[in-house]
Amino acid sequence: MSIRNNGPDIGGHGSETIHEETRRIRRVQRAMDLVLQLLAHTELSRGEALRLMEGMRRYALDIFPDKGAVFDLIYAPRLMRIYRSRFEDPIPVPRPDEP
């Protein structure tokens, strides 16, 4: 017996679109996990740490171009927390005109 879902797609998205977005989210999450581990457990200079953090932000925005505010809300505090614990100084705050 086969059950088929003939109902409307949620939000107008097909299952393939939802699957692709889920894959992109997982890619960002895995990359963030790696960056957090590198920041917390490897010998990095302040400059290297800041470049790593900025690279992570650029990577996430390459995958989700219109989600900079979401990145800043969810991931930036995690990055800043580890940065501050390692280097005990304030992190430079990007200007609003930066991507």
PDB file of N, CA and C in Angstrom:
ATOM      1  N   MET A   1       0.838  -1.163   0.000  1.00  0.00           N
ATOM      2  CA  MET A   1       0.000   0.000   0.000  1.00  0.00           C
ATOM      3  C   MET A   1       0.890   1.234   0.000  1.00  0.00           C
ATOM      4  N   SER A   2       0.579   2.162  -0.818  1.00  0.00           N
ATOM      5  CA  SER A   2       1.374   3.373  -0.963  1.00  0.00           C
ATOM      6  C   SER A   2       0.551   4.578  -0.517  1.00  0.00           C
ATOM      7  N   ILE A   3       1.185   5.432   0.290  1.00  0.00           N
ATOM      8  CA  ILE A   3       0.517   6.654   0.719  1.00  0.00           C
ATOM      9  C   ILE A   3       1.138   7.807  -0.039  1.00  0.00           C
ATOM     10  N   ARG A   4       0.311   8.587  -0.678  1.00  0.00           N
ATOM     11  CA  ARG A   4       0.800   9.732  -1.440  1.00  0.00           C
ATOM     12  C   ARG A   4       0.292  11.012  -0.817  1.00  0.00           C
ATOM     13  N   ASN A   5       1.148  11.995  -0.827  1.00  0.00           N
ATOM     14  CA  ASN A   5       0.749  13.312  -0.342  1.00  0.00           C
ATOM     15  C   ASN A   5       0.401  14.158  -1.551  1.00  0.00           C
ATOM     16  N   ASN A   6      -0.884  14.295  -1.809  1.00  0.00           N
ATOM     17  CA  ASN A   6      -1.339  15.097  -2.933  1.00  0.00           C
ATOM     18  C   ASN A   6      -1.735  16.503  -2.502  1.00  0.00           C
ATOM     19  N   GLY A   7      -1.442  16.846  -1.253  1.00  0.00           N
ATOM     20  CA  GLY A   7      -1.779  18.169  -0.747  1.00  0.00           C
ATOM     21  C   GLY A   7      -0.833  19.224  -1.288  1.00  0.00           C
ATOM     22  N   PRO A   8      -1.139  20.462  -1.006  1.00  0.00           N
ATOM     23  CA  PRO A   8      -0.283  21.545  -1.496  1.00  0.00           C
ATOM     24  C   PRO A   8       1.061  21.557  -0.779  1.00  0.00           C
ATOM     25  N   ASP A   9       2.074  22.036  -1.484  1.00  0.00           N
ATOM     26  CA  ASP A   9       3.388  22.200  -0.878  1.00  0.00           C
ATOM     27  C   ASP A   9       3.324  23.311   0.162  1.00  0.00           C
ATOM     28  N   ILE A  10       4.049  23.139   1.235  1.00  0.00           N
ATOM     29  CA  ILE A  10       4.083  24.147   2.290  1.00  0.00           C
ATOM     30  C   ILE A  10       4.827  25.361   1.771  1.00  0.00           C
ATOM     31  N   GLY A  11       4.186  26.512   1.833  1.00  0.00           N
ATOM     32  CA  GLY A  11       4.824  27.747   1.419  1.00  0.00           C
ATOM     33  C   GLY A  11       5.176  27.797  -0.058  1.00  0.00           C
ATOM     34  N   GLY A  12       4.585  26.933  -0.844  1.00  0.00           N
ATOM     35  CA  GLY A  12       4.878  26.922  -2.261  1.00  0.00           C
ATOM     36  C   GLY A  12       6.206  26.269  -2.613  1.00  0.00           C
ATOM     37  N   HIS A  13       6.860  25.628  -1.652  1.00  0.00           N
ATOM     38  CA  HIS A  13       8.146  24.979  -1.899  1.00  0.00           C
ATOM     39  C   HIS A  13       7.926  23.498  -2.154  1.00  0.00           C
ATOM     40  N   GLY A  14       8.596  22.998  -3.161  1.00  0.00           N
ATOM     41  CA  GLY A  14       8.569  21.566  -3.407  1.00  0.00           C
ATOM     42  C   GLY A  14       9.503  20.849  -2.461  1.00  0.00           C
ATOM     43  N   SER A  15       9.346  19.550  -2.372  1.00  0.00           N
ATOM     44  CA  SER A  15      10.191  18.784  -1.455  1.00  0.00           C
ATOM     45  C   SER A  15      11.656  18.868  -1.858  1.00  0.00           C
ATOM     46  N   GLU A  16      11.948  18.994  -3.138  1.00  0.00           N
ATOM     47  CA  GLU A  16      13.335  19.128  -3.592  1.00  0.00           C
ATOM     48  C   GLU A  16      13.940  20.443  -3.109  1.00  0.00           C
ATOM     49  N   THR A  17      13.170  21.506  -3.141  1.00  0.00           N
ATOM     50  CA  THR A  17      13.641  22.806  -2.659  1.00  0.00           C
ATOM     51  C   THR A  17      13.914  22.755  -1.161  1.00  0.00           C
ATOM     52  N   ILE A  18      13.026  22.131  -0.420  1.00  0.00           N
ATOM     53  CA  ILE A  18      13.213  22.004   1.027  1.00  0.00           C
ATOM     54  C   ILE A  18      14.432  21.147   1.317  1.00  0.00           C
ATOM     55  N   HIS A  19      14.607  20.075   0.569  1.00  0.00           N
ATOM     56  CA  HIS A  19      15.770  19.197   0.750  1.00  0.00           C
ATOM     57  C   HIS A  19      17.066  19.972   0.481  1.00  0.00           C
ATOM     58  N   GLU A  20      17.095  20.763  -0.581  1.00  0.00           N
ATOM     59  CA  GLU A  20      18.297  21.542  -0.918  1.00  0.00           C
ATOM     60  C   GLU A  20      18.597  22.577   0.162  1.00  0.00           C
ATOM     61  N   GLU A  21      17.589  23.241   0.670  1.00  0.00           N
ATOM     62  CA  GLU A  21      17.822  24.222   1.729  1.00  0.00           C
ATOM     63  C   GLU A  21      18.339  23.539   3.002  1.00  0.00           C
ATOM     64  N   THR A  22      17.808  22.381   3.308  1.00  0.00           N
ATOM     65  CA  THR A  22      18.285  21.620   4.465  1.00  0.00           C
ATOM     66  C   THR A  22      19.749  21.244   4.291  1.00  0.00           C
ATOM     67  N   ARG A  23      20.141  20.857   3.086  1.00  0.00           N
ATOM     68  CA  ARG A  23      21.544  20.541   2.808  1.00  0.00           C
ATOM     69  C   ARG A  23      22.437  21.763   2.999  1.00  0.00           C
ATOM     70  N   ARG A  24      21.978  22.911   2.531  1.00  0.00           N
ATOM     71  CA  ARG A  24      22.774  24.133   2.683  1.00  0.00           C
ATOM     72  C   ARG A  24      22.908  24.526   4.151  1.00  0.00           C
ATOM     73  N   ILE A  25      21.850  24.359   4.914  1.00  0.00           N
ATOM     74  CA  ILE A  25      21.904  24.652   6.355  1.00  0.00           C
ATOM     75  C   ILE A  25      22.921  23.742   7.029  1.00  0.00           C
ATOM     76  N   ARG A  26      22.890  22.462   6.701  1.00  0.00           N
ATOM     77  CA  ARG A  26      23.847  21.523   7.298  1.00  0.00           C
ATOM     78  C   ARG A  26      25.286  21.878   6.935  1.00  0.00           C
ATOM     79  N   ARG A  27      25.508  22.326   5.700  1.00  0.00           N
ATOM     80  CA  ARG A  27      26.863  22.740   5.297  1.00  0.00           C
ATOM     81  C   ARG A  27      27.356  23.886   6.161  1.00  0.00           C
ATOM     82  N   VAL A  28      26.501  24.872   6.383  1.00  0.00           N
ATOM     83  CA  VAL A  28      26.890  26.011   7.219  1.00  0.00           C
ATOM     84  C   VAL A  28      27.128  25.550   8.654  1.00  0.00           C
ATOM     85  N   GLN A  29      26.269  24.690   9.160  1.00  0.00           N
ATOM     86  CA  GLN A  29      26.430  24.208  10.534  1.00  0.00           C
ATOM     87  C   GLN A  29      27.736  23.438  10.707  1.00  0.00           C
ATOM     88  N   ARG A  30      28.066  22.575   9.756  1.00  0.00           N
ATOM     89  CA  ARG A  30      29.324  21.816   9.843  1.00  0.00           C
ATOM     90  C   ARG A  30      30.528  22.736   9.777  1.00  0.00           C
ATOM     91  N   ALA A  31      30.477  23.714   8.876  1.00  0.00           N
ATOM     92  CA  ALA A  31      31.582  24.665   8.771  1.00  0.00           C
ATOM     93  C   ALA A  31      31.716  25.464  10.062  1.00  0.00           C
ATOM     94  N   MET A  32      30.593  25.876  10.637  1.00  0.00           N
ATOM     95  CA  MET A  32      30.632  26.632  11.885  1.00  0.00           C
ATOM     96  C   MET A  32      31.202  25.777  13.009  1.00  0.00           C
ATOM     97  N   ASP A  33      30.808  24.530  13.091  1.00  0.00           N
ATOM     98  CA  ASP A  33      31.357  23.636  14.110  1.00  0.00           C
ATOM     99  C   ASP A  33      32.878  23.550  13.987  1.00  0.00           C
ATOM    100  N   LEU A  34      33.368  23.433  12.764  1.00  0.00           N
ATOM    101  CA  LEU A  34      34.802  23.355  12.543  1.00  0.00           C
ATOM    102  C   LEU A  34      35.490  24.652  12.963  1.00  0.00           C
ATOM    103  N   VAL A  35      34.936  25.787  12.574  1.00  0.00           N
ATOM    104  CA  VAL A  35      35.522  27.084  12.930  1.00  0.00           C
ATOM    105  C   VAL A  35      35.536  27.268  14.442  1.00  0.00           C
ATOM    106  N   LEU A  36      34.455  26.911  15.106  1.00  0.00           N
ATOM    107  CA  LEU A  36      34.403  27.039  16.562  1.00  0.00           C
ATOM    108  C   LEU A  36      35.470  26.170  17.220  1.00  0.00           C
ATOM    109  N   GLN A  37      35.668  24.960  16.719  1.00  0.00           N
ATOM    110  CA  GLN A  37      36.700  24.085  17.264  1.00  0.00           C
ATOM    111  C   GLN A  37      38.095  24.646  17.024  1.00  0.00           C
ATOM    112  N   LEU A  38      38.325  25.166  15.835  1.00  0.00           N
ATOM    113  CA  LEU A  38      39.626  25.768  15.542  1.00  0.00           C
ATOM    114  C   LEU A  38      39.895  26.965  16.449  1.00  0.00           C
ATOM    115  N   LEU A  39      38.902  27.810  16.625  1.00  0.00           N
ATOM    116  CA  LEU A  39      39.068  28.985  17.492  1.00  0.00           C
ATOM    117  C   LEU A  39      39.354  28.568  18.934  1.00  0.00           C
ATOM    118  N   ALA A  40      38.678  27.553  19.390  1.00  0.00           N
ATOM    119  CA  ALA A  40      38.784  27.166  20.797  1.00  0.00           C
ATOM    120  C   ALA A  40      40.031  26.339  21.098  1.00  0.00           C
ATOM    121  N   HIS A  41      40.534  25.584  20.125  1.00  0.00           N
ATOM    122  CA  HIS A  41      41.538  24.569  20.460  1.00  0.00           C
ATOM    123  C   HIS A  41      42.833  24.625  19.660  1.00  0.00           C
ATOM    124  N   THR A  42      43.024  25.632  18.835  1.00  0.00           N
ATOM    125  CA  THR A  42      44.284  25.724  18.104  1.00  0.00           C
ATOM    126  C   THR A  42      44.974  27.041  18.434  1.00  0.00           C
ATOM    127  N   GLU A  43      46.269  27.045  18.222  1.00  0.00           N
ATOM    128  CA  GLU A  43      47.044  28.256  18.469  1.00  0.00           C
ATOM    129  C   GLU A  43      46.873  29.201  17.282  1.00  0.00           C
ATOM    130  N   LEU A  44      46.124  30.260  17.494  1.00  0.00           N
ATOM    131  CA  LEU A  44      45.891  31.258  16.455  1.00  0.00           C
ATOM    132  C   LEU A  44      46.255  32.626  17.006  1.00  0.00           C
ATOM    133  N   SER A  45      46.748  33.478  16.133  1.00  0.00           N
ATOM    134  CA  SER A  45      46.934  34.872  16.529  1.00  0.00           C
ATOM    135  C   SER A  45      45.567  35.564  16.476  1.00  0.00           C
ATOM    136  N   ARG A  46      45.501  36.761  17.023  1.00  0.00           N
ATOM    137  CA  ARG A  46      44.248  37.521  16.956  1.00  0.00           C
ATOM    138  C   ARG A  46      43.835  37.744  15.503  1.00  0.00           C
ATOM    139  N   GLY A  47      44.792  38.107  14.679  1.00  0.00           N
ATOM    140  CA  GLY A  47      44.501  38.345  13.264  1.00  0.00           C
ATOM    141  C   GLY A  47      43.995  37.099  12.559  1.00  0.00           C
ATOM    142  N   GLU A  48      44.619  35.967  12.839  1.00  0.00           N
ATOM    143  CA  GLU A  48      44.168  34.706  12.236  1.00  0.00           C
ATOM    144  C   GLU A  48      42.752  34.364  12.691  1.00  0.00           C
ATOM    145  N   ALA A  49      42.491  34.565  13.973  1.00  0.00           N
ATOM    146  CA  ALA A  49      41.155  34.277  14.497  1.00  0.00           C
ATOM    147  C   ALA A  49      40.114  35.174  13.835  1.00  0.00           C
ATOM    148  N   LEU A  50      40.426  36.459  13.707  1.00  0.00           N
ATOM    149  CA  LEU A  50      39.480  37.380  13.078  1.00  0.00           C
ATOM    150  C   LEU A  50      39.260  37.038  11.612  1.00  0.00           C
ATOM    151  N   ARG A  51      40.329  36.663  10.910  1.00  0.00           N
ATOM    152  CA  ARG A  51      40.176  36.264   9.502  1.00  0.00           C
ATOM    153  C   ARG A  51      39.346  34.993   9.377  1.00  0.00           C
ATOM    154  N   LEU A  52      39.542  34.060  10.284  1.00  0.00           N
ATOM    155  CA  LEU A  52      38.762  32.825  10.281  1.00  0.00           C
ATOM    156  C   LEU A  52      37.278  33.134  10.504  1.00  0.00           C
ATOM    157  N   MET A  53      37.008  34.016  11.444  1.00  0.00           N
ATOM    158  CA  MET A  53      35.612  34.390  11.739  1.00  0.00           C
ATOM    159  C   MET A  53      34.979  35.109  10.556  1.00  0.00           C
ATOM    160  N   GLU A  54      35.707  36.031   9.953  1.00  0.00           N
ATOM    161  CA  GLU A  54      35.175  36.749   8.794  1.00  0.00           C
ATOM    162  C   GLU A  54      34.999  35.809   7.610  1.00  0.00           C
ATOM    163  N   GLY A  55      35.918  34.873   7.445  1.00  0.00           N
ATOM    164  CA  GLY A  55      35.774  33.886   6.377  1.00  0.00           C
ATOM    165  C   GLY A  55      34.538  33.027   6.554  1.00  0.00           C
ATOM    166  N   MET A  56      34.231  32.684   7.790  1.00  0.00           N
ATOM    167  CA  MET A  56      33.027  31.903   8.068  1.00  0.00           C
ATOM    168  C   MET A  56      31.781  32.696   7.699  1.00  0.00           C
ATOM    169  N   ARG A  57      31.788  33.973   8.033  1.00  0.00           N
ATOM    170  CA  ARG A  57      30.634  34.821   7.705  1.00  0.00           C
ATOM    171  C   ARG A  57      30.468  34.910   6.180  1.00  0.00           C
ATOM    172  N   ARG A  58      31.567  35.115   5.471  1.00  0.00           N
ATOM    173  CA  ARG A  58      31.497  35.181   4.005  1.00  0.00           C
ATOM    174  C   ARG A  58      31.006  33.862   3.415  1.00  0.00           C
ATOM    175  N   TYR A  59      31.494  32.746   3.960  1.00  0.00           N
ATOM    176  CA  TYR A  59      31.051  31.435   3.484  1.00  0.00           C
ATOM    177  C   TYR A  59      29.540  31.277   3.665  1.00  0.00           C
ATOM    178  N   ALA A  60      29.057  31.623   4.858  1.00  0.00           N
ATOM    179  CA  ALA A  60      27.616  31.511   5.115  1.00  0.00           C
ATOM    180  C   ALA A  60      26.819  32.413   4.183  1.00  0.00           C
ATOM    181  N   LEU A  61      27.328  33.616   3.932  1.00  0.00           N
ATOM    182  CA  LEU A  61      26.604  34.531   3.049  1.00  0.00           C
ATOM    183  C   LEU A  61      26.695  34.112   1.591  1.00  0.00           C
ATOM    184  N   ASP A  62      27.731  33.378   1.214  1.00  0.00           N
ATOM    185  CA  ASP A  62      27.782  32.817  -0.142  1.00  0.00           C
ATOM    186  C   ASP A  62      26.673  31.791  -0.330  1.00  0.00           C
ATOM    187  N   ILE A  63      26.401  31.039   0.726  1.00  0.00           N
ATOM    188  CA  ILE A  63      25.375  30.002   0.645  1.00  0.00           C
ATOM    189  C   ILE A  63      23.974  30.591   0.837  1.00  0.00           C
ATOM    190  N   PHE A  64      23.850  31.570   1.749  1.00  0.00           N
ATOM    191  CA  PHE A  64      22.576  32.250   2.019  1.00  0.00           C
ATOM    192  C   PHE A  64      22.798  33.759   1.895  1.00  0.00           C
ATOM    193  N   PRO A  65      22.818  34.294   0.670  1.00  0.00           N
ATOM    194  CA  PRO A  65      23.196  35.689   0.452  1.00  0.00           C
ATOM    195  C   PRO A  65      22.363  36.721   1.205  1.00  0.00           C
ATOM    196  N   ASP A  66      21.128  36.456   1.447  1.00  0.00           N
ATOM    197  CA  ASP A  66      20.254  37.457   2.066  1.00  0.00           C
ATOM    198  C   ASP A  66      20.081  37.255   3.570  1.00  0.00           C
ATOM    199  N   LYS A  67      20.954  36.476   4.200  1.00  0.00           N
ATOM    200  CA  LYS A  67      20.758  36.118   5.611  1.00  0.00           C
ATOM    201  C   LYS A  67      21.862  36.635   6.533  1.00  0.00           C
ATOM    202  N   GLY A  68      22.455  37.768   6.209  1.00  0.00           N
ATOM    203  CA  GLY A  68      23.492  38.333   7.053  1.00  0.00           C
ATOM    204  C   GLY A  68      23.004  38.642   8.457  1.00  0.00           C
ATOM    205  N   ALA A  69      21.795  39.162   8.562  1.00  0.00           N
ATOM    206  CA  ALA A  69      21.245  39.481   9.885  1.00  0.00           C
ATOM    207  C   ALA A  69      21.015  38.214  10.704  1.00  0.00           C
ATOM    208  N   VAL A  70      20.613  37.145  10.053  1.00  0.00           N
ATOM    209  CA  VAL A  70      20.404  35.877  10.750  1.00  0.00           C
ATOM    210  C   VAL A  70      21.748  35.343  11.253  1.00  0.00           C
ATOM    211  N   PHE A  71      22.782  35.417  10.424  1.00  0.00           N
ATOM    212  CA  PHE A  71      24.108  34.996  10.853  1.00  0.00           C
ATOM    213  C   PHE A  71      24.543  35.800  12.074  1.00  0.00           C
ATOM    214  N   ASP A  72      24.359  37.110  12.005  1.00  0.00           N
ATOM    215  CA  ASP A  72      24.767  37.978  13.113  1.00  0.00           C
ATOM    216  C   ASP A  72      23.992  37.686  14.389  1.00  0.00           C
ATOM    217  N   LEU A  73      22.773  37.246  14.255  1.00  0.00           N
ATOM    218  CA  LEU A  73      21.940  36.933  15.414  1.00  0.00           C
ATOM    219  C   LEU A  73      22.273  35.568  16.013  1.00  0.00           C
ATOM    220  N   ILE A  74      22.510  34.573  15.169  1.00  0.00           N
ATOM    221  CA  ILE A  74      22.689  33.204  15.654  1.00  0.00           C
ATOM    222  C   ILE A  74      24.161  32.847  15.876  1.00  0.00           C
ATOM    223  N   TYR A  75      24.997  33.105  14.877  1.00  0.00           N
ATOM    224  CA  TYR A  75      26.369  32.600  14.930  1.00  0.00           C
ATOM    225  C   TYR A  75      27.391  33.592  15.473  1.00  0.00           C
ATOM    226  N   ALA A  76      27.232  34.874  15.187  1.00  0.00           N
ATOM    227  CA  ALA A  76      28.230  35.854  15.638  1.00  0.00           C
ATOM    228  C   ALA A  76      28.435  35.831  17.152  1.00  0.00           C
ATOM    229  N   PRO A  77      27.387  35.718  17.971  1.00  0.00           N
ATOM    230  CA  PRO A  77      27.628  35.665  19.419  1.00  0.00           C
ATOM    231  C   PRO A  77      28.483  34.467  19.844  1.00  0.00           C
ATOM    232  N   ARG A  78      28.331  33.342  19.190  1.00  0.00           N
ATOM    233  CA  ARG A  78      29.157  32.171  19.514  1.00  0.00           C
ATOM    234  C   ARG A  78      30.620  32.442  19.187  1.00  0.00           C
ATOM    235  N   LEU A  79      30.839  33.005  18.009  1.00  0.00           N
ATOM    236  CA  LEU A  79      32.203  33.328  17.614  1.00  0.00           C
ATOM    237  C   LEU A  79      32.826  34.340  18.567  1.00  0.00           C
ATOM    238  N   MET A  80      32.071  35.370  18.903  1.00  0.00           N
ATOM    239  CA  MET A  80      32.589  36.415  19.786  1.00  0.00           C
ATOM    240  C   MET A  80      32.883  35.880  21.188  1.00  0.00           C
ATOM    241  N   ARG A  81      32.052  34.984  21.667  1.00  0.00           N
ATOM    242  CA  ARG A  81      32.261  34.411  22.999  1.00  0.00           C
ATOM    243  C   ARG A  81      33.599  33.660  23.062  1.00  0.00           C
ATOM    244  N   ILE A  82      33.876  32.856  22.057  1.00  0.00           N
ATOM    245  CA  ILE A  82      35.143  32.123  22.041  1.00  0.00           C
ATOM    246  C   ILE A  82      36.306  33.085  21.831  1.00  0.00           C
ATOM    247  N   TYR A  83      36.140  34.047  20.935  1.00  0.00           N
ATOM    248  CA  TYR A  83      37.216  35.018  20.700  1.00  0.00           C
ATOM    249  C   TYR A  83      37.567  35.740  21.995  1.00  0.00           C
ATOM    250  N   ARG A  84      36.564  36.229  22.701  1.00  0.00           N
ATOM    251  CA  ARG A  84      36.814  36.959  23.951  1.00  0.00           C
ATOM    252  C   ARG A  84      37.462  36.069  25.007  1.00  0.00           C
ATOM    253  N   SER A  85      37.053  34.811  25.070  1.00  0.00           N
ATOM    254  CA  SER A  85      37.638  33.926  26.072  1.00  0.00           C
ATOM    255  C   SER A  85      39.105  33.626  25.753  1.00  0.00           C
ATOM    256  N   ARG A  86      39.441  33.614  24.475  1.00  0.00           N
ATOM    257  CA  ARG A  86      40.833  33.340  24.085  1.00  0.00           C
ATOM    258  C   ARG A  86      41.733  34.558  24.183  1.00  0.00           C
ATOM    259  N   PHE A  87      41.222  35.707  23.790  1.00  0.00           N
ATOM    260  CA  PHE A  87      42.075  36.879  23.639  1.00  0.00           C
ATOM    261  C   PHE A  87      41.784  37.999  24.634  1.00  0.00           C
ATOM    262  N   GLU A  88      40.692  37.894  25.361  1.00  0.00           N
ATOM    263  CA  GLU A  88      40.343  38.850  26.406  1.00  0.00           C
ATOM    264  C   GLU A  88      40.393  40.297  25.940  1.00  0.00           C
ATOM    265  N   ASP A  89      39.970  40.550  24.726  1.00  0.00           N
ATOM    266  CA  ASP A  89      39.821  41.927  24.261  1.00  0.00           C
ATOM    267  C   ASP A  89      38.590  42.010  23.371  1.00  0.00           C
ATOM    268  N   PRO A  90      38.066  43.208  23.197  1.00  0.00           N
ATOM    269  CA  PRO A  90      36.848  43.336  22.395  1.00  0.00           C
ATOM    270  C   PRO A  90      37.119  43.004  20.930  1.00  0.00           C
ATOM    271  N   ILE A  91      36.099  42.484  20.314  1.00  0.00           N
ATOM    272  CA  ILE A  91      36.200  42.152  18.900  1.00  0.00           C
ATOM    273  C   ILE A  91      35.796  43.372  18.077  1.00  0.00           C
ATOM    274  N   PRO A  92      36.470  43.631  16.974  1.00  0.00           N
ATOM    275  CA  PRO A  92      36.040  44.739  16.133  1.00  0.00           C
ATOM    276  C   PRO A  92      34.640  44.464  15.574  1.00  0.00           C
ATOM    277  N   VAL A  93      33.809  45.467  15.616  1.00  0.00           N
ATOM    278  CA  VAL A  93      32.438  45.327  15.108  1.00  0.00           C
ATOM    279  C   VAL A  93      32.410  45.828  13.678  1.00  0.00           C
ATOM    280  N   PRO A  94      31.889  45.006  12.731  1.00  0.00           N
ATOM    281  CA  PRO A  94      31.836  45.451  11.342  1.00  0.00           C
ATOM    282  C   PRO A  94      30.881  46.625  11.172  1.00  0.00           C
ATOM    283  N   ARG A  95      31.213  47.480  10.231  1.00  0.00           N
ATOM    284  CA  ARG A  95      30.330  48.605   9.925  1.00  0.00           C
ATOM    285  C   ARG A  95      29.082  48.076   9.223  1.00  0.00           C
ATOM    286  N   PRO A  96      27.945  48.783   9.369  1.00  0.00           N
ATOM    287  CA  PRO A  96      26.697  48.314   8.742  1.00  0.00           C
ATOM    288  C   PRO A  96      26.775  48.186   7.224  1.00  0.00           C
ATOM    289  N   ASP A  97      27.666  48.932   6.565  1.00  0.00           N
ATOM    290  CA  ASP A  97      27.738  48.857   5.103  1.00  0.00           C
ATOM    291  C   ASP A  97      28.547  47.670   4.617  1.00  0.00           C
ATOM    292  N   GLU A  98      29.158  46.894   5.528  1.00  0.00           N
ATOM    293  CA  GLU A  98      29.897  45.711   5.129  1.00  0.00           C
ATOM    294  C   GLU A  98      28.951  44.539   4.938  1.00  0.00           C
ATOM    295  N   PRO A  99      29.239  43.654   3.975  1.00  0.00           N
ATOM    296  CA  PRO A  99      28.332  42.499   3.756  1.00  0.00           C
ATOM    297  C   PRO A  99      28.380  41.508   4.877  1.00  0.00           C
TER     298      PRO A  99
END
